């Protein structure tokens, strides 16, 4: 269906505006800046949900690791490392009383040191994920500020160019 009358689809009267005549360097520059700021705000708007999802995923990762470490400490009754070493000494002492087989001490210490190393790796992973989470939150805040500023700049430039166009139409 072709609309042949002077109304739009919503029955709003058409306003016959002539395009802005950018006859000065300032107007051409304002149009160029408006175009770039509009593109920037569009791209920032598209990036915000992606970055927001990344922040949420990193937060969940940090929470899961922290919950795992807290659970291990709760099971062991407090300080996990200290309790593990106490248990190791108890095992070595008790088995030492019964004449341990050759290599038993090394096996116990190796298992404990492997467990402690994996615990330290888990804590390092938690710290790394926490730093990444903080960095992503900072980037998200910066992105939101840039988006807000770009949108505000677009609004101001559009208002300025609209005012100039109205003045041009009044004088022409």
C-alpha atoms as a PDB file:
ATOM      1  CA  UNK A   1       0.000   0.000   0.000  1.00  0.00           C
ATOM      2  CA  UNK A   2       1.439   3.332  -1.041  1.00  0.00           C
ATOM      3  CA  UNK A   3       0.700   6.340   1.104  1.00  0.00           C
ATOM      4  CA  UNK A   4      -0.220   9.148  -1.260  1.00  0.00           C
ATOM      5  CA  UNK A   5      -1.579  11.719   1.178  1.00  0.00           C
ATOM      6  CA  UNK A   6       0.350  14.082   3.430  1.00  0.00           C
ATOM      7  CA  UNK A   7       0.339  11.845   6.514  1.00  0.00           C
ATOM      8  CA  UNK A   8       2.618   9.138   7.779  1.00  0.00           C
ATOM      9  CA  UNK A   9       1.537   5.608   8.753  1.00  0.00           C
ATOM     10  CA  UNK A  10       0.358   6.847  12.149  1.00  0.00           C
ATOM     11  CA  UNK A  11      -1.712   9.676  10.636  1.00  0.00           C
ATOM     12  CA  UNK A  12       0.801  12.239  11.810  1.00  0.00           C
ATOM     13  CA  UNK A  13       1.089  15.146   9.379  1.00  0.00           C
ATOM     14  CA  UNK A  14       4.279  15.145   7.371  1.00  0.00           C
ATOM     15  CA  UNK A  15       6.604  18.014   7.993  1.00  0.00           C
ATOM     16  CA  UNK A  16       8.346  19.061   4.847  1.00  0.00           C
ATOM     17  CA  UNK A  17      11.779  19.880   6.147  1.00  0.00           C
ATOM     18  CA  UNK A  18      14.545  20.649   3.810  1.00  0.00           C
ATOM     19  CA  UNK A  19      17.896  19.117   4.621  1.00  0.00           C
ATOM     20  CA  UNK A  20      20.407  21.191   6.489  1.00  0.00           C
ATOM     21  CA  UNK A  21      22.711  23.198   4.269  1.00  0.00           C
ATOM     22  CA  UNK A  22      26.114  22.685   5.839  1.00  0.00           C
ATOM     23  CA  UNK A  23      27.664  25.811   4.378  1.00  0.00           C
ATOM     24  CA  UNK A  24      30.242  26.438   7.087  1.00  0.00           C
ATOM     25  CA  UNK A  25      33.100  24.328   8.393  1.00  0.00           C
ATOM     26  CA  UNK A  26      31.509  24.375  11.856  1.00  0.00           C
ATOM     27  CA  UNK A  27      28.267  22.869  10.547  1.00  0.00           C
ATOM     28  CA  UNK A  28      30.097  20.229   8.532  1.00  0.00           C
ATOM     29  CA  UNK A  29      32.183  19.367  11.584  1.00  0.00           C
ATOM     30  CA  UNK A  30      29.058  19.202  13.779  1.00  0.00           C
ATOM     31  CA  UNK A  31      27.438  16.798  11.303  1.00  0.00           C
ATOM     32  CA  UNK A  32      30.564  14.644  11.224  1.00  0.00           C
ATOM     33  CA  UNK A  33      30.817  14.548  15.021  1.00  0.00           C
ATOM     34  CA  UNK A  34      27.108  13.732  15.257  1.00  0.00           C
ATOM     35  CA  UNK A  35      27.576  10.803  12.890  1.00  0.00           C
ATOM     36  CA  UNK A  36      30.597   9.449  14.792  1.00  0.00           C
ATOM     37  CA  UNK A  37      28.994   9.882  18.217  1.00  0.00           C
ATOM     38  CA  UNK A  38      25.838   8.132  17.012  1.00  0.00           C
ATOM     39  CA  UNK A  39      27.925   5.209  15.727  1.00  0.00           C
ATOM     40  CA  UNK A  40      29.880   5.123  18.987  1.00  0.00           C
ATOM     41  CA  UNK A  41      26.730   5.066  21.112  1.00  0.00           C
ATOM     42  CA  UNK A  42      25.329   2.281  18.891  1.00  0.00           C
ATOM     43  CA  UNK A  43      28.454   0.127  19.307  1.00  0.00           C
ATOM     44  CA  UNK A  44      28.655   0.804  23.047  1.00  0.00           C
ATOM     45  CA  UNK A  45      24.994  -0.140  23.413  1.00  0.00           C
ATOM     46  CA  UNK A  46      25.697  -3.434  21.611  1.00  0.00           C
ATOM     47  CA  UNK A  47      28.782  -4.135  23.759  1.00  0.00           C
ATOM     48  CA  UNK A  48      27.165  -3.432  27.131  1.00  0.00           C
ATOM     49  CA  UNK A  49      25.144  -6.681  27.439  1.00  0.00           C
ATOM     50  CA  UNK A  50      28.155  -8.743  26.342  1.00  0.00           C
ATOM     51  CA  UNK A  51      30.403  -7.146  28.942  1.00  0.00           C
ATOM     52  CA  UNK A  52      27.663  -7.353  31.552  1.00  0.00           C
ATOM     53  CA  UNK A  53      27.360 -11.114  30.930  1.00  0.00           C
ATOM     54  CA  UNK A  54      31.137 -11.467  31.235  1.00  0.00           C
ATOM     55  CA  UNK A  55      31.068  -9.667  34.602  1.00  0.00           C
ATOM     56  CA  UNK A  56      28.299 -11.974  35.822  1.00  0.00           C
ATOM     57  CA  UNK A  57      30.184 -15.098  34.700  1.00  0.00           C
ATOM     58  CA  UNK A  58      33.387 -13.978  36.428  1.00  0.00           C
ATOM     59  CA  UNK A  59      31.470 -13.180  39.601  1.00  0.00           C
ATOM     60  CA  UNK A  60      29.906 -16.657  39.578  1.00  0.00           C
ATOM     61  CA  UNK A  61      33.327 -18.247  39.058  1.00  0.00           C
ATOM     62  CA  UNK A  62      34.784 -16.347  42.024  1.00  0.00           C
ATOM     63  CA  UNK A  63      31.808 -17.324  44.178  1.00  0.00           C
ATOM     64  CA  UNK A  64      32.110 -21.004  43.227  1.00  0.00           C
ATOM     65  CA  UNK A  65      35.822 -21.137  44.000  1.00  0.00           C
ATOM     66  CA  UNK A  66      35.330 -19.279  47.284  1.00  0.00           C
ATOM     67  CA  UNK A  67      32.516 -21.660  48.235  1.00  0.00           C
ATOM     68  CA  UNK A  68      34.750 -24.659  47.463  1.00  0.00           C
ATOM     69  CA  UNK A  69      37.586 -23.306  49.586  1.00  0.00           C
ATOM     70  CA  UNK A  70      35.200 -22.422  52.421  1.00  0.00           C
ATOM     71  CA  UNK A  71      33.680 -25.899  52.234  1.00  0.00           C
ATOM     72  CA  UNK A  72      37.096 -27.545  52.471  1.00  0.00           C
ATOM     73  CA  UNK A  73      37.952 -25.413  55.491  1.00  0.00           C
ATOM     74  CA  UNK A  74      34.597 -26.221  57.109  1.00  0.00           C
ATOM     75  CA  UNK A  75      35.061 -29.964  56.574  1.00  0.00           C
ATOM     76  CA  UNK A  76      38.543 -29.871  58.048  1.00  0.00           C
ATOM     77  CA  UNK A  77      37.390 -27.788  61.017  1.00  0.00           C
ATOM     78  CA  UNK A  78      39.130 -24.499  60.334  1.00  0.00           C
ATOM     79  CA  UNK A  79      42.511 -23.859  58.789  1.00  0.00           C
ATOM     80  CA  UNK A  80      42.763 -26.471  56.046  1.00  0.00           C
ATOM     81  CA  UNK A  81      46.563 -26.411  55.702  1.00  0.00           C
ATOM     82  CA  UNK A  82      47.233 -26.656  59.403  1.00  0.00           C
ATOM     83  CA  UNK A  83      44.716 -29.470  59.828  1.00  0.00           C
ATOM     84  CA  UNK A  84      46.138 -31.388  56.846  1.00  0.00           C
ATOM     85  CA  UNK A  85      49.664 -31.179  58.244  1.00  0.00           C
ATOM     86  CA  UNK A  86      48.445 -32.305  61.668  1.00  0.00           C
ATOM     87  CA  UNK A  87      46.731 -35.310  60.084  1.00  0.00           C
ATOM     88  CA  UNK A  88      49.885 -36.124  58.137  1.00  0.00           C
ATOM     89  CA  UNK A  89      52.002 -36.083  61.272  1.00  0.00           C
ATOM     90  CA  UNK A  90      49.432 -38.265  63.041  1.00  0.00           C
ATOM     91  CA  UNK A  91      49.453 -40.759  60.166  1.00  0.00           C
ATOM     92  CA  UNK A  92      53.235 -40.847  60.087  1.00  0.00           C
ATOM     93  CA  UNK A  93      53.456 -41.199  63.860  1.00  0.00           C
ATOM     94  CA  UNK A  94      50.837 -43.966  64.049  1.00  0.00           C
ATOM     95  CA  UNK A  95      52.230 -45.898  61.105  1.00  0.00           C
ATOM     96  CA  UNK A  96      55.743 -45.292  62.368  1.00  0.00           C
ATOM     97  CA  UNK A  97      54.765 -47.047  65.563  1.00  0.00           C
ATOM     98  CA  UNK A  98      53.908 -50.125  63.481  1.00  0.00           C
ATOM     99  CA  UNK A  99      57.119 -50.180  61.497  1.00  0.00           C
ATOM    100  CA  UNK A 100      56.115 -48.509  58.237  1.00  0.00           C
ATOM    101  CA  UNK A 101      56.928 -50.168  54.987  1.00  0.00           C
ATOM    102  CA  UNK A 102      59.692 -48.635  52.949  1.00  0.00           C
ATOM    103  CA  UNK A 103      58.406 -45.657  50.967  1.00  0.00           C
ATOM    104  CA  UNK A 104      55.294 -45.057  53.085  1.00  0.00           C
ATOM    105  CA  UNK A 105      56.576 -41.787  54.497  1.00  0.00           C
ATOM    106  CA  UNK A 106      57.416 -40.489  51.063  1.00  0.00           C
ATOM    107  CA  UNK A 107      53.993 -41.496  49.765  1.00  0.00           C
ATOM    108  CA  UNK A 108      52.174 -39.698  52.600  1.00  0.00           C
ATOM    109  CA  UNK A 109      54.243 -36.554  52.179  1.00  0.00           C
ATOM    110  CA  UNK A 110      53.880 -36.645  48.393  1.00  0.00           C
ATOM    111  CA  UNK A 111      50.089 -36.959  48.618  1.00  0.00           C
ATOM    112  CA  UNK A 112      49.935 -34.131  51.138  1.00  0.00           C
ATOM    113  CA  UNK A 113      52.236 -31.884  49.163  1.00  0.00           C
ATOM    114  CA  UNK A 114      50.211 -32.570  45.999  1.00  0.00           C
ATOM    115  CA  UNK A 115      47.015 -31.714  47.846  1.00  0.00           C
ATOM    116  CA  UNK A 116      48.533 -28.527  49.249  1.00  0.00           C
ATOM    117  CA  UNK A 117      49.838 -27.573  45.791  1.00  0.00           C
ATOM    118  CA  UNK A 118      46.397 -28.059  44.253  1.00  0.00           C
ATOM    119  CA  UNK A 119      44.899 -25.978  47.062  1.00  0.00           C
ATOM    120  CA  UNK A 120      47.381 -23.192  46.366  1.00  0.00           C
ATOM    121  CA  UNK A 121      46.565 -23.403  42.643  1.00  0.00           C
ATOM    122  CA  UNK A 122      42.877 -23.100  43.477  1.00  0.00           C
ATOM    123  CA  UNK A 123      43.526 -20.043  45.640  1.00  0.00           C
ATOM    124  CA  UNK A 124      45.682 -18.515  42.895  1.00  0.00           C
ATOM    125  CA  UNK A 125      42.900 -19.188  40.385  1.00  0.00           C
ATOM    126  CA  UNK A 126      40.441 -17.481  42.735  1.00  0.00           C
ATOM    127  CA  UNK A 127      42.682 -14.427  43.049  1.00  0.00           C
ATOM    128  CA  UNK A 128      43.159 -14.281  39.277  1.00  0.00           C
ATOM    129  CA  UNK A 129      39.413 -14.589  38.646  1.00  0.00           C
ATOM    130  CA  UNK A 130      38.744 -11.928  41.270  1.00  0.00           C
ATOM    131  CA  UNK A 131      41.182  -9.527  39.584  1.00  0.00           C
ATOM    132  CA  UNK A 132      39.601 -10.229  36.192  1.00  0.00           C
ATOM    133  CA  UNK A 133      36.160  -9.644  37.708  1.00  0.00           C
ATOM    134  CA  UNK A 134      37.230  -6.308  39.196  1.00  0.00           C
ATOM    135  CA  UNK A 135      38.789  -5.291  35.866  1.00  0.00           C
ATOM    136  CA  UNK A 136      35.647  -6.263  33.951  1.00  0.00           C
ATOM    137  CA  UNK A 137      33.485  -4.295  36.402  1.00  0.00           C
ATOM    138  CA  UNK A 138      35.730  -1.281  35.905  1.00  0.00           C
ATOM    139  CA  UNK A 139      35.496  -1.642  32.108  1.00  0.00           C
ATOM    140  CA  UNK A 140      31.707  -1.914  32.357  1.00  0.00           C
ATOM    141  CA  UNK A 141      31.521   1.294  34.419  1.00  0.00           C
ATOM    142  CA  UNK A 142      33.733   3.090  31.888  1.00  0.00           C
ATOM    143  CA  UNK A 143      31.643   1.771  29.004  1.00  0.00           C
ATOM    144  CA  UNK A 144      28.426   3.002  30.634  1.00  0.00           C
ATOM    145  CA  UNK A 145      29.889   6.460  31.238  1.00  0.00           C
ATOM    146  CA  UNK A 146      31.157   6.671  27.645  1.00  0.00           C
ATOM    147  CA  UNK A 147      27.770   5.554  26.344  1.00  0.00           C
ATOM    148  CA  UNK A 148      25.954   8.112  28.472  1.00  0.00           C
ATOM    149  CA  UNK A 149      28.309  10.865  27.314  1.00  0.00           C
ATOM    150  CA  UNK A 150      27.991   9.847  23.653  1.00  0.00           C
ATOM    151  CA  UNK A 151      24.198   9.822  23.861  1.00  0.00           C
ATOM    152  CA  UNK A 152      24.200  13.229  25.540  1.00  0.00           C
ATOM    153  CA  UNK A 153      26.529  14.576  22.840  1.00  0.00           C
ATOM    154  CA  UNK A 154      24.220  13.209  20.127  1.00  0.00           C
ATOM    155  CA  UNK A 155      21.226  14.888  21.762  1.00  0.00           C
ATOM    156  CA  UNK A 156      22.998  18.241  22.019  1.00  0.00           C
ATOM    157  CA  UNK A 157      24.306  18.114  18.450  1.00  0.00           C
ATOM    158  CA  UNK A 158      20.913  17.087  17.074  1.00  0.00           C
ATOM    159  CA  UNK A 159      19.250  19.973  18.900  1.00  0.00           C
ATOM    160  CA  UNK A 160      21.888  22.395  17.609  1.00  0.00           C
ATOM    161  CA  UNK A 161      21.633  21.197  14.006  1.00  0.00           C
ATOM    162  CA  UNK A 162      17.824  21.222  14.189  1.00  0.00           C
ATOM    163  CA  UNK A 163      17.929  24.811  15.404  1.00  0.00           C
ATOM    164  CA  UNK A 164      20.301  25.771  12.579  1.00  0.00           C
ATOM    165  CA  UNK A 165      18.056  24.051  10.025  1.00  0.00           C
ATOM    166  CA  UNK A 166      14.999  25.912  11.341  1.00  0.00           C
ATOM    167  CA  UNK A 167      16.868  29.197  11.067  1.00  0.00           C
ATOM    168  CA  UNK A 168      17.953  28.338   7.532  1.00  0.00           C
ATOM    169  CA  UNK A 169      14.392  27.492   6.510  1.00  0.00           C
ATOM    170  CA  UNK A 170      13.153  30.744   8.002  1.00  0.00           C
ATOM    171  CA  UNK A 171      15.669  32.827   6.067  1.00  0.00           C
ATOM    172  CA  UNK A 172      15.475  30.982   2.760  1.00  0.00           C
END
